[in-house]
Protein backbone atom coordinates (compact mmCIF):
# COMPACT_ATOMS: atom_id res chain seq x y z
CA UNK A 1 -10.01 -15.37 -3.73
CA UNK A 2 -9.40 -14.43 -0.11
CA UNK A 3 -11.27 -11.56 1.49
CA UNK A 4 -9.03 -9.63 3.84
CA UNK A 5 -10.48 -8.09 6.95
CA UNK A 6 -8.88 -5.11 8.62
CA UNK A 7 -7.59 -5.85 12.09
CA UNK A 8 -5.49 -3.95 14.62
CA UNK A 9 -2.24 -4.61 12.73
CA UNK A 10 -3.79 -3.41 9.46
CA UNK A 11 -5.01 -0.24 11.18
CA UNK A 12 -1.57 0.46 12.63
CA UNK A 13 0.10 0.02 9.23
CA UNK A 14 -2.61 2.21 7.67
CA UNK A 15 -1.90 4.96 10.21
CA UNK A 16 1.83 4.83 9.59
CA UNK A 17 1.44 4.87 5.81
CA UNK A 18 -1.12 7.70 5.90
CA UNK A 19 1.07 9.77 8.22
CA UNK A 20 4.19 9.17 6.13
CA UNK A 21 2.37 10.20 2.95
CA UNK A 22 0.95 13.32 4.61
CA UNK A 23 4.38 14.28 5.97
CA UNK A 24 5.89 13.80 2.50
CA UNK A 25 3.12 15.92 0.94
CA UNK A 26 2.02 12.97 -1.18
CA UNK A 27 -1.47 11.96 0.01
CA UNK A 28 -3.31 9.08 -1.68
CA UNK A 29 -7.01 8.24 -1.79
CA UNK A 30 -8.00 6.58 1.51
CA UNK A 31 -9.08 3.33 -0.21
CA UNK A 32 -5.65 3.02 -1.80
CA UNK A 33 -3.96 3.53 1.58
CA UNK A 34 -6.04 0.62 2.93
CA UNK A 35 -5.06 -1.52 -0.06
CA UNK A 36 -1.42 -0.64 0.54
CA UNK A 37 -1.69 -1.44 4.26
CA UNK A 38 -3.22 -4.85 3.55
CA UNK A 39 -0.53 -5.61 0.97
CA UNK A 40 2.24 -4.65 3.37
CA UNK A 41 0.71 -6.71 6.19
CA UNK A 42 0.36 -9.83 4.06
CA UNK A 43 3.50 -9.38 1.95
CA UNK A 44 1.37 -9.25 -1.17
CA UNK A 45 2.30 -7.73 -4.50
CA UNK A 46 -0.06 -5.07 -5.85
CA UNK A 47 -0.85 -5.43 -9.54
CA UNK A 48 -1.87 -2.01 -10.85
CA UNK A 49 -1.34 0.66 -13.44
CA UNK A 50 -1.82 3.34 -10.75
CA UNK A 51 1.66 4.77 -10.32
CA UNK A 52 0.72 6.60 -7.13
CA UNK A 53 1.11 3.35 -5.18
CA UNK A 54 4.86 3.79 -5.65
CA UNK A 55 4.65 6.67 -3.15
CA UNK A 56 4.19 4.07 -0.37
CA UNK A 57 7.59 3.13 1.03
CA UNK A 58 8.14 -0.62 1.23
CA UNK A 59 5.26 -1.54 -1.07
CA UNK A 60 5.71 -4.34 -3.60
CA UNK A 61 4.35 -3.49 -7.05
CA UNK A 62 4.06 -5.61 -10.17
CA UNK A 63 4.22 -3.64 -13.37
CA UNK A 64 4.05 -5.80 -16.46
CA UNK A 65 7.01 -8.13 -16.37
CA UNK A 66 9.01 -6.09 -13.87
CA UNK A 67 8.75 -6.39 -10.08
CA UNK A 68 9.37 -3.11 -8.32
CA UNK A 69 10.06 -2.84 -4.58
CA UNK A 70 10.16 0.67 -3.11
């Protein structure tokens, strides 16, 4: 397992994602915005049953046997 540390790039992505969600009227819990920012920065796929991650444009989600890219 790799532990990801937030850096300047992560913070910039976080800010963009948070602003986009706020503008769209679709805020997410702050921890989930950080998870989304890290995933976007690293090109990772998020494995979750939390459908609210799909509100993040450009996020890669794995749902069961189906890969979803928003």
